[in-house]
Amino acid sequence: MPINPHAKRRARPSSARAKLRDTLQTEQDPAPKNRVRALATTGRIGYVYPTGDRHALIVRNFSVNPSGEYADVPWTEPEDKGYSTQACSVNSRWGMFSELEYHVPAIGGGTGLSQIEDRSQLWAFRGQRRDIVKIARALLAADIQA
C-alpha cells in the first residue's frame, strides 16, 4: 500500500494510520500526501484531533471501485494512477489546514464512461476523548489508539 515514506504509520491488514502533522505540506515541499490505492481501501476514512479539552472525529464514508480508473496523480509522477484516498496537512500562504479527501473514478477518454454517480456521507463528532475513541473504533477499526 503506497503511503508517504516519511509519515509515521502503522499498517495492519485491517487499517493504515498516519500522523498528518508529520507530513506537513509547505510551499517548498508540496508533495507529501498520504495516498491509498482504490484496491486497498474500504471506502471509509477518519481523522481524530484534540480541540481544547475535548476531541473531534471526522469520518468520510464513500464508494470505491477497485477496478476504476482513478486519475488524480502525484505532481511528480503523472503515470502513477489508482489512488482513491488521500490525506495531508498544509502550511502555506493559504493558511494551515488538513485535507481528508476521496476521489471517484475518471470519466471520458478511454474509460468508456460518460457519467458517474457520487454518493458519500460525512460524520462529525466532538466530545470527551474516551467517547471519541469508542466511536472511532466502531466506525473505523477496533485497534484505534487515538
Protein backbone atom coordinates (compact mmCIF):
# COMPACT_ATOMS: atom_id res chain seq x y z
CA MET A 1 0.00 0.00 0.00
CA PRO A 2 1.93 3.12 -1.16
CA ILE A 3 1.94 5.73 1.60
CA ASN A 4 4.26 8.71 2.04
CA PRO A 5 7.52 7.10 3.23
CA HIS A 6 8.17 9.99 5.64
CA ALA A 7 4.88 9.56 7.50
CA LYS A 8 4.79 7.88 10.88
CA ARG A 9 2.43 5.00 10.30
CA ARG A 10 1.37 1.55 11.37
CA ALA A 11 -0.35 -0.79 8.97
CA ARG A 12 -2.29 -3.92 9.74
CA PRO A 13 -4.43 -5.98 7.41
CA SER A 14 -7.48 -4.00 8.57
CA SER A 15 -6.11 -0.46 8.78
CA ALA A 16 -3.45 2.09 7.93
CA ARG A 17 -2.58 5.01 10.16
CA ALA A 18 -0.57 8.18 9.58
CA LYS A 19 0.08 11.28 11.67
CA LEU A 20 -0.77 14.16 9.34
CA ARG A 21 1.19 16.74 11.29
CA ASP A 22 4.35 14.75 10.48
CA THR A 23 3.70 15.04 6.72
CA LEU A 24 3.25 18.81 6.63
CA GLN A 25 2.88 20.15 3.10
CA THR A 26 4.59 23.52 2.56
CA GLU A 27 5.13 25.73 -0.48
CA GLN A 28 8.72 24.46 -0.61
CA ASP A 29 7.65 20.79 -0.38
CA PRO A 30 4.14 20.44 -1.88
CA ALA A 31 4.27 16.67 -2.47
CA PRO A 32 3.72 14.82 0.81
CA LYS A 33 0.25 13.32 0.61
CA ASN A 34 -0.63 10.03 2.20
CA ARG A 35 -2.21 8.07 -0.65
CA VAL A 36 -4.11 4.79 -0.67
CA ARG A 37 -4.95 2.88 -3.84
CA ALA A 38 -8.59 2.07 -4.54
CA LEU A 39 -7.80 -1.63 -4.39
CA ALA A 40 -6.57 -1.29 -0.78
CA THR A 41 -9.26 0.91 0.78
CA THR A 42 -12.61 0.10 2.33
CA GLY A 43 -14.18 3.45 1.44
CA ARG A 44 -14.12 4.88 4.94
CA ILE A 45 -11.51 7.25 6.37
CA GLY A 46 -11.32 9.26 9.56
CA TYR A 47 -9.36 11.91 11.40
CA VAL A 48 -9.15 12.35 15.20
CA TYR A 49 -7.74 15.54 16.73
CA PRO A 50 -7.79 17.44 20.04
CA THR A 51 -9.87 20.63 20.39
CA GLY A 52 -9.05 22.16 23.75
CA ASP A 53 -10.12 19.76 26.50
CA ARG A 54 -12.17 17.68 24.04
CA HIS A 55 -11.51 15.65 20.90
CA ALA A 56 -13.11 15.66 17.48
CA LEU A 57 -13.61 12.90 14.93
CA ILE A 58 -14.32 13.42 11.23
CA VAL A 59 -15.36 10.33 9.24
CA ARG A 60 -15.97 10.17 5.48
CA ASN A 61 -17.81 7.17 4.03
CA PHE A 62 -17.69 6.73 0.24
CA SER A 63 -17.98 4.17 -2.55
CA VAL A 64 -14.85 2.71 -4.10
CA ASN A 65 -14.49 0.84 -7.39
CA PRO A 66 -11.29 -1.24 -7.09
CA SER A 67 -11.21 -1.57 -10.89
CA GLY A 68 -11.96 2.11 -11.58
CA GLU A 69 -9.51 4.47 -13.25
CA TYR A 70 -8.54 7.00 -10.58
CA ALA A 71 -6.78 9.81 -12.39
CA ASP A 72 -5.65 12.09 -9.53
CA VAL A 73 -1.88 11.63 -9.51
CA PRO A 74 1.17 13.00 -7.69
CA TRP A 75 2.58 16.07 -9.44
CA THR A 76 5.94 14.38 -9.95
CA GLU A 77 4.52 11.02 -11.12
CA PRO A 78 1.75 11.63 -13.69
CA GLU A 79 1.57 7.94 -14.65
CA ASP A 80 1.09 6.73 -11.05
CA LYS A 81 -2.71 6.38 -11.15
CA GLY A 82 -5.14 4.44 -9.00
CA TYR A 83 -5.37 6.39 -5.73
CA SER A 84 -8.89 6.86 -4.38
CA THR A 85 -7.96 8.24 -0.96
CA GLN A 86 -5.55 10.97 0.14
CA ALA A 87 -4.74 12.96 3.25
CA CYS A 88 -2.26 15.72 4.07
CA SER A 89 -1.64 18.80 6.19
CA VAL A 90 -0.85 22.14 4.54
CA ASN A 91 1.01 25.19 5.85
CA SER A 92 1.23 27.76 3.07
CA ARG A 93 0.21 31.28 2.10
CA TRP A 94 -3.41 29.96 2.10
CA GLY A 95 -3.17 29.05 5.78
CA MET A 96 -2.69 25.92 7.83
CA PHE A 97 -5.23 23.12 7.36
CA SER A 98 -5.60 19.40 6.78
CA GLU A 99 -7.24 17.60 3.87
CA LEU A 100 -9.04 14.29 4.05
CA GLU A 101 -10.21 13.53 0.54
CA TYR A 102 -11.52 10.82 -1.71
CA HIS A 103 -11.90 10.63 -5.47
CA VAL A 104 -14.31 8.92 -7.84
CA PRO A 105 -13.12 7.08 -10.96
CA ALA A 106 -12.46 9.22 -14.03
CA ILE A 107 -14.93 9.56 -16.90
CA GLY A 108 -14.26 10.17 -20.58
CA GLY A 109 -11.14 9.28 -22.51
CA GLY A 110 -10.55 5.54 -22.62
CA THR A 111 -12.71 4.77 -19.57
CA GLY A 112 -15.86 4.15 -21.57
CA LEU A 113 -17.84 6.21 -19.04
CA SER A 114 -19.66 9.45 -19.81
CA GLN A 115 -21.07 9.94 -16.30
CA ILE A 116 -20.70 8.64 -12.77
CA GLU A 117 -22.80 8.92 -9.62
CA ASP A 118 -21.03 10.02 -6.46
CA ARG A 119 -22.55 9.47 -3.02
CA SER A 120 -20.84 9.90 0.31
CA GLN A 121 -21.55 10.62 3.95
CA LEU A 122 -19.64 12.90 6.28
CA TRP A 123 -19.95 12.42 10.02
CA ALA A 124 -18.51 14.76 12.67
CA PHE A 125 -18.31 14.13 16.42
CA ARG A 126 -16.94 16.16 19.34
CA GLY A 127 -16.67 15.12 22.96
CA GLN A 128 -14.57 13.52 25.64
CA ARG A 129 -11.55 11.58 24.34
CA ARG A 130 -12.86 8.22 25.60
CA ASP A 131 -16.19 8.73 23.80
CA ILE A 132 -14.49 9.78 20.56
CA VAL A 133 -12.19 6.75 20.70
CA LYS A 134 -15.20 4.46 21.23
CA ILE A 135 -16.95 5.95 18.17
CA ALA A 136 -13.75 5.77 16.08
CA ARG A 137 -13.34 2.10 16.98
CA ALA A 138 -16.93 1.37 15.95
CA LEU A 139 -16.76 3.26 12.64
CA LEU A 140 -13.13 2.81 11.56
CA ALA A 141 -11.20 -0.02 13.21
CA ALA A 142 -11.15 -1.85 16.52
CA ASP A 143 -7.46 -1.09 17.01
CA ILE A 144 -7.78 2.74 17.00
CA GLN A 145 -5.43 4.23 19.63
CA ALA A 146 -6.41 7.94 19.19
